[in-house]
C-alpha atoms as a PDB file:
ATOM      1  CA  MET A   1      12.397   7.548 -63.485  1.00  0.00           C
ATOM      2  CA  ARG A   2      12.423   8.980 -59.961  1.00  0.00           C
ATOM      3  CA  THR A   3      13.797  12.398 -59.222  1.00  0.00           C
ATOM      4  CA  GLN A   4      16.198  12.954 -56.358  1.00  0.00           C
ATOM      5  CA  ARG A   5      13.424  14.737 -54.437  1.00  0.00           C
ATOM      6  CA  GLU A   6      11.046  11.759 -54.800  1.00  0.00           C
ATOM      7  CA  GLY A   7      13.835   9.479 -53.623  1.00  0.00           C
ATOM      8  CA  ARG A   8      14.212  11.519 -50.452  1.00  0.00           C
ATOM      9  CA  ARG A   9      10.476  11.456 -49.871  1.00  0.00           C
ATOM     10  CA  TYR A  10      10.528   7.697 -50.189  1.00  0.00           C
ATOM     11  CA  SER A  11      13.395   7.518 -47.725  1.00  0.00           C
ATOM     12  CA  LYS A  12      11.562   9.735 -45.242  1.00  0.00           C
ATOM     13  CA  CYS A  13       8.467   7.546 -45.564  1.00  0.00           C
ATOM     14  CA  THR A  14      10.595   4.482 -44.939  1.00  0.00           C
ATOM     15  CA  VAL A  15      12.141   6.094 -41.874  1.00  0.00           C
ATOM     16  CA  VAL A  16       8.721   7.167 -40.533  1.00  0.00           C
ATOM     17  CA  ALA A  17       7.321   3.679 -41.128  1.00  0.00           C
ATOM     18  CA  ALA A  18      10.304   2.125 -39.369  1.00  0.00           C
ATOM     19  CA  LEU A  19       9.802   4.459 -36.384  1.00  0.00           C
ATOM     20  CA  VAL A  20       6.101   3.575 -36.189  1.00  0.00           C
ATOM     21  CA  VAL A  21       6.916  -0.148 -36.275  1.00  0.00           C
ATOM     22  CA  ALA A  22       9.582   0.343 -33.602  1.00  0.00           C
ATOM     23  CA  ALA A  23       7.176   2.319 -31.399  1.00  0.00           C
ATOM     24  CA  VAL A  24       4.434  -0.289 -31.735  1.00  0.00           C
ATOM     25  CA  GLY A  25       6.945  -3.053 -30.984  1.00  0.00           C
ATOM     26  CA  SER A  26       8.191  -1.121 -27.978  1.00  0.00           C
ATOM     27  CA  GLN A  27       4.630  -0.664 -26.670  1.00  0.00           C
ATOM     28  CA  ALA A  28       3.966  -4.370 -27.116  1.00  0.00           C
ATOM     29  CA  ALA A  29       7.146  -5.219 -25.247  1.00  0.00           C
ATOM     30  CA  SER A  30       6.340  -2.793 -22.447  1.00  0.00           C
ATOM     31  CA  GLY A  31       2.785  -4.152 -22.436  1.00  0.00           C
ATOM     32  CA  ALA A  32       4.249  -7.518 -21.598  1.00  0.00           C
ATOM     33  CA  ARG A  33       5.957  -5.840 -18.650  1.00  0.00           C
ATOM     34  CA  SER A  34       2.837  -3.917 -17.627  1.00  0.00           C
ATOM     35  CA  ALA A  35       1.688  -6.991 -15.740  1.00  0.00           C
ATOM     36  CA  GLY A  36       4.040  -5.605 -13.089  1.00  0.00           C
ATOM     37  CA  PRO A  37       6.570  -7.115 -10.755  1.00  0.00           C
ATOM     38  CA  PRO A  38       5.891 -10.421  -9.014  1.00  0.00           C
ATOM     39  CA  VAL A  39       3.902 -10.647  -5.801  1.00  0.00           C
ATOM     40  CA  CYS A  40       6.035  -9.951  -2.721  1.00  0.00           C
ATOM     41  CA  GLU A  41       7.073 -13.073  -0.897  1.00  0.00           C
ATOM     42  CA  PRO A  42       6.723 -12.770   2.887  1.00  0.00           C
ATOM     43  CA  VAL A  43      10.348 -13.831   3.377  1.00  0.00           C
ATOM     44  CA  ALA A  44      11.468 -10.720   1.433  1.00  0.00           C
ATOM     45  CA  LEU A  45       9.232  -8.267   3.345  1.00  0.00           C
ATOM     46  CA  HIS A  46       9.651  -6.143   6.431  1.00  0.00           C
ATOM     47  CA  LEU A  47       6.490  -4.650   7.943  1.00  0.00           C
ATOM     48  CA  ALA A  48       6.045  -1.885  10.497  1.00  0.00           C
ATOM     49  CA  VAL A  49       3.110  -0.113  12.139  1.00  0.00           C
ATOM     50  CA  SER A  50       2.967   3.641  11.792  1.00  0.00           C
ATOM     51  CA  ASP A  51       0.494   5.602  13.869  1.00  0.00           C
ATOM     52  CA  GLN A  52      -0.112   9.302  14.148  1.00  0.00           C
ATOM     53  CA  GLY A  53      -2.554  11.462  15.993  1.00  0.00           C
ATOM     54  CA  THR A  54      -4.923  13.786  14.232  1.00  0.00           C
ATOM     55  CA  SER A  55      -7.863  15.846  15.332  1.00  0.00           C
ATOM     56  CA  GLY A  56      -9.313  13.378  17.828  1.00  0.00           C
ATOM     57  CA  SER A  57      -8.479  10.219  15.849  1.00  0.00           C
ATOM     58  CA  ALA A  58      -5.473   7.983  15.373  1.00  0.00           C
ATOM     59  CA  PHE A  59      -4.156   7.089  11.944  1.00  0.00           C
ATOM     60  CA  ILE A  60      -2.864   3.498  11.813  1.00  0.00           C
ATOM     61  CA  GLY A  61      -0.734   2.614   8.815  1.00  0.00           C
ATOM     62  CA  LEU A  62       1.089  -0.429   7.535  1.00  0.00           C
ATOM     63  CA  VAL A  63       4.528   0.384   6.161  1.00  0.00           C
ATOM     64  CA  ALA A  64       6.322  -2.211   4.042  1.00  0.00           C
ATOM     65  CA  ARG A  65       9.859  -2.565   2.706  1.00  0.00           C
ATOM     66  CA  ALA A  66      11.137  -5.301   0.416  1.00  0.00           C
ATOM     67  CA  ARG A  67      14.531  -6.556  -0.693  1.00  0.00           C
ATOM     68  CA  VAL A  68      13.389  -6.816  -4.314  1.00  0.00           C
ATOM     69  CA  ARG A  69      10.900  -4.969  -6.526  1.00  0.00           C
ATOM     70  CA  CYS A  70       7.553  -6.630  -5.931  1.00  0.00           C
ATOM     71  CA  THR A  71       3.811  -6.040  -5.715  1.00  0.00           C
ATOM     72  CA  LEU A  72       1.666  -6.139  -2.597  1.00  0.00           C
ATOM     73  CA  ALA A  73      -1.964  -7.099  -3.025  1.00  0.00           C
ATOM     74  CA  GLY A  74      -4.724  -8.467  -0.860  1.00  0.00           C
ATOM     75  CA  SER A  75      -5.643  -7.374   2.617  1.00  0.00           C
ATOM     76  CA  ALA A  76      -4.228  -6.948   6.081  1.00  0.00           C
ATOM     77  CA  GLN A  77      -5.958  -7.238   9.412  1.00  0.00           C
ATOM     78  CA  VAL A  78      -5.510  -4.572  12.095  1.00  0.00           C
ATOM     79  CA  THR A  79      -6.382  -5.561  15.666  1.00  0.00           C
ATOM     80  CA  ILE A  80      -6.215  -3.362  18.753  1.00  0.00           C
ATOM     81  CA  LEU A  81      -5.402  -5.385  21.851  1.00  0.00           C
ATOM     82  CA  GLN A  82      -5.636  -4.453  25.500  1.00  0.00           C
ATOM     83  CA  ARG A  83      -3.942  -6.627  28.093  1.00  0.00           C
ATOM     84  CA  GLY A  84      -3.497  -9.334  25.444  1.00  0.00           C
ATOM     85  CA  GLY A  85      -7.181  -9.576  24.457  1.00  0.00           C
ATOM     86  CA  ARG A  86      -9.119  -7.849  21.730  1.00  0.00           C
ATOM     87  CA  ALA A  87     -10.125  -4.346  22.857  1.00  0.00           C
ATOM     88  CA  SER A  88     -13.797  -3.446  22.849  1.00  0.00           C
ATOM     89  CA  ILE A  89     -13.829  -1.372  19.668  1.00  0.00           C
ATOM     90  CA  LYS A  90     -16.492  -1.497  16.965  1.00  0.00           C
ATOM     91  CA  GLY A  91     -14.899  -2.904  13.784  1.00  0.00           C
ATOM     92  CA  ASN A  92     -12.024  -4.557  15.682  1.00  0.00           C
ATOM     93  CA  PRO A  93     -10.343  -6.343  13.943  1.00  0.00           C
ATOM     94  CA  LEU A  94     -10.377  -4.203  10.809  1.00  0.00           C
ATOM     95  CA  THR A  95      -9.596  -5.587   7.356  1.00  0.00           C
ATOM     96  CA  ILE A  96      -7.875  -3.078   5.068  1.00  0.00           C
ATOM     97  CA  ALA A  97      -6.832  -3.338   1.433  1.00  0.00           C
ATOM     98  CA  VAL A  98      -3.099  -3.596   0.800  1.00  0.00           C
ATOM     99  CA  ARG A  99      -1.860  -2.263  -2.533  1.00  0.00           C
ATOM    100  CA  GLY A 100       1.413  -1.059  -3.962  1.00  0.00           C
ATOM    101  CA  VAL A 101       4.637  -1.758  -5.757  1.00  0.00           C
ATOM    102  CA  LEU A 102       7.697  -1.763  -3.535  1.00  0.00           C
ATOM    103  CA  ALA A 103      11.124  -0.647  -4.693  1.00  0.00           C
ATOM    104  CA  PRO A 104      14.112  -2.472  -3.186  1.00  0.00           C
ATOM    105  CA  GLY A 105      15.065  -1.085   0.214  1.00  0.00           C
ATOM    106  CA  LYS A 106      12.484   1.733   0.216  1.00  0.00           C
ATOM    107  CA  SER A 107       9.715   1.915   2.810  1.00  0.00           C
ATOM    108  CA  ARG A 108       6.207   2.708   1.642  1.00  0.00           C
ATOM    109  CA  LEU A 109       2.805   3.152   3.285  1.00  0.00           C
ATOM    110  CA  VAL A 110       0.673   0.377   1.758  1.00  0.00           C
ATOM    111  CA  ALA A 111      -2.520   0.440   3.853  1.00  0.00           C
ATOM    112  CA  HIS A 112      -4.145   2.465   6.591  1.00  0.00           C
ATOM    113  CA  GLY A 113      -7.216   2.945   8.703  1.00  0.00           C
ATOM    114  CA  TRP A 114      -8.553   5.180  11.465  1.00  0.00           C
ATOM    115  CA  TRP A 115      -9.169   4.547  15.153  1.00  0.00           C
ATOM    116  CA  ILE A 116     -11.783   6.973  16.419  1.00  0.00           C
ATOM    117  CA  GLY A 117     -12.718   7.770  20.028  1.00  0.00           C
ATOM    118  CA  TRP A 118     -11.256   5.903  22.983  1.00  0.00           C
ATOM    119  CA  CYS A 119     -12.693   6.545  26.430  1.00  0.00           C
ATOM    120  CA  LYS A 120     -11.263   3.564  28.310  1.00  0.00           C
ATOM    121  CA  SER A 121      -7.915   2.954  29.959  1.00  0.00           C
ATOM    122  CA  ARG A 122      -4.860   3.746  27.855  1.00  0.00           C
ATOM    123  CA  LYS A 123      -2.770   1.097  29.607  1.00  0.00           C
ATOM    124  CA  ALA A 124      -1.513  -2.119  27.995  1.00  0.00           C
ATOM    125  CA  LEU A 125      -2.705  -1.274  24.469  1.00  0.00           C
ATOM    126  CA  SER A 126      -1.066  -2.711  21.369  1.00  0.00           C
ATOM    127  CA  ILE A 127      -1.703  -2.745  17.639  1.00  0.00           C
ATOM    128  CA  VAL A 128      -1.243  -5.979  15.714  1.00  0.00           C
ATOM    129  CA  VAL A 129      -1.216  -6.013  11.927  1.00  0.00           C
ATOM    130  CA  ARG A 130      -1.243  -9.271   9.965  1.00  0.00           C
ATOM    131  CA  TYR A 131      -0.523  -9.592   6.253  1.00  0.00           C
ATOM    132  CA  ARG A 132      -0.427 -13.081   4.772  1.00  0.00           C
ATOM    133  CA  THR A 133       1.896 -15.036   7.087  1.00  0.00           C
ATOM    134  CA  LEU A 134       3.530 -11.961   8.630  1.00  0.00           C
ATOM    135  CA  SER A 135       2.538 -10.244  11.844  1.00  0.00           C
ATOM    136  CA  VAL A 136       3.828  -7.076  13.470  1.00  0.00           C
ATOM    137  CA  ARG A 137       2.967  -5.666  16.896  1.00  0.00           C
ATOM    138  CA  ALA A 138       3.536  -2.161  18.243  1.00  0.00           C
ATOM    139  CA  ALA A 139       2.477  -0.070  21.197  1.00  0.00           C
ATOM    140  CA  PRO A 140       0.425   2.872  19.928  1.00  0.00           C
ATOM    141  CA  LYS A 141       2.151   6.228  20.167  1.00  0.00           C
ATOM    142  CA  TYR A 142      -1.207   7.930  19.708  1.00  0.00           C
ATOM    143  CA  VAL A 143      -4.544   6.949  21.196  1.00  0.00           C
ATOM    144  CA  PRO A 144      -7.649   8.802  20.071  1.00  0.00           C
ATOM    145  CA  ARG A 145      -9.155  11.242  22.504  1.00  0.00           C
ATOM    146  CA  CYS A 146     -12.457  10.646  24.228  1.00  0.00           C
ATOM    147  CA  ASP A 147     -15.076  12.968  22.778  1.00  0.00           C
ATOM    148  CA  SER A 148     -18.100  11.095  24.155  1.00  0.00           C
ATOM    149  CA  ALA A 149     -18.203   8.135  26.530  1.00  0.00           C
ATOM    150  CA  ALA A 150     -21.654   7.332  25.086  1.00  0.00           C
ATOM    151  CA  THR A 151     -20.204   6.842  21.579  1.00  0.00           C
ATOM    152  CA  PRO A 152     -18.368   3.562  21.043  1.00  0.00           C
ATOM    153  CA  SER A 153     -14.769   3.579  19.887  1.00  0.00           C
ATOM    154  CA  ARG A 154     -14.391   2.297  16.330  1.00  0.00           C
ATOM    155  CA  LEU A 155     -11.899   1.231  13.684  1.00  0.00           C
ATOM    156  CA  VAL A 156     -12.717   2.277  10.121  1.00  0.00           C
ATOM    157  CA  PRO A 157     -10.958   1.823   6.794  1.00  0.00           C
ATOM    158  CA  ALA A 158      -9.465   4.859   5.081  1.00  0.00           C
ATOM    159  CA  ARG A 159     -11.349   6.025   2.021  1.00  0.00           C
END
């Protein structure tokens, strides 16, 4: 015959076992969700170019916003144009990795690279970024300074 104390112990064990089963079930269910949100459809995306000046270089970023929670993956291509043609820059166009989960209506930096050294004319420059079927064009707010006319200008991925 079981004492009242043993009965409580049995009940506590049952409760602990039930909690363990619930936790494992919850992890399995969340594991199913860990695959993440679906890939962002171009029709639901808004892209923008963000550029900033730093110590002699220009930071070029791709900012994305979506209407629904979704995942960006793949790559984007950054091209610097001058007077409508590709500017003479080593690494132009630059392919950069695009990664991130977007929350509805929130903008997020999803890729970026660096433009280093520009010793030519600063007139008629534009930055074009392409991701999947989308393309965005912007006039650069920042153009890298010219440190050495003997060193070619270059586009490099961020590391």
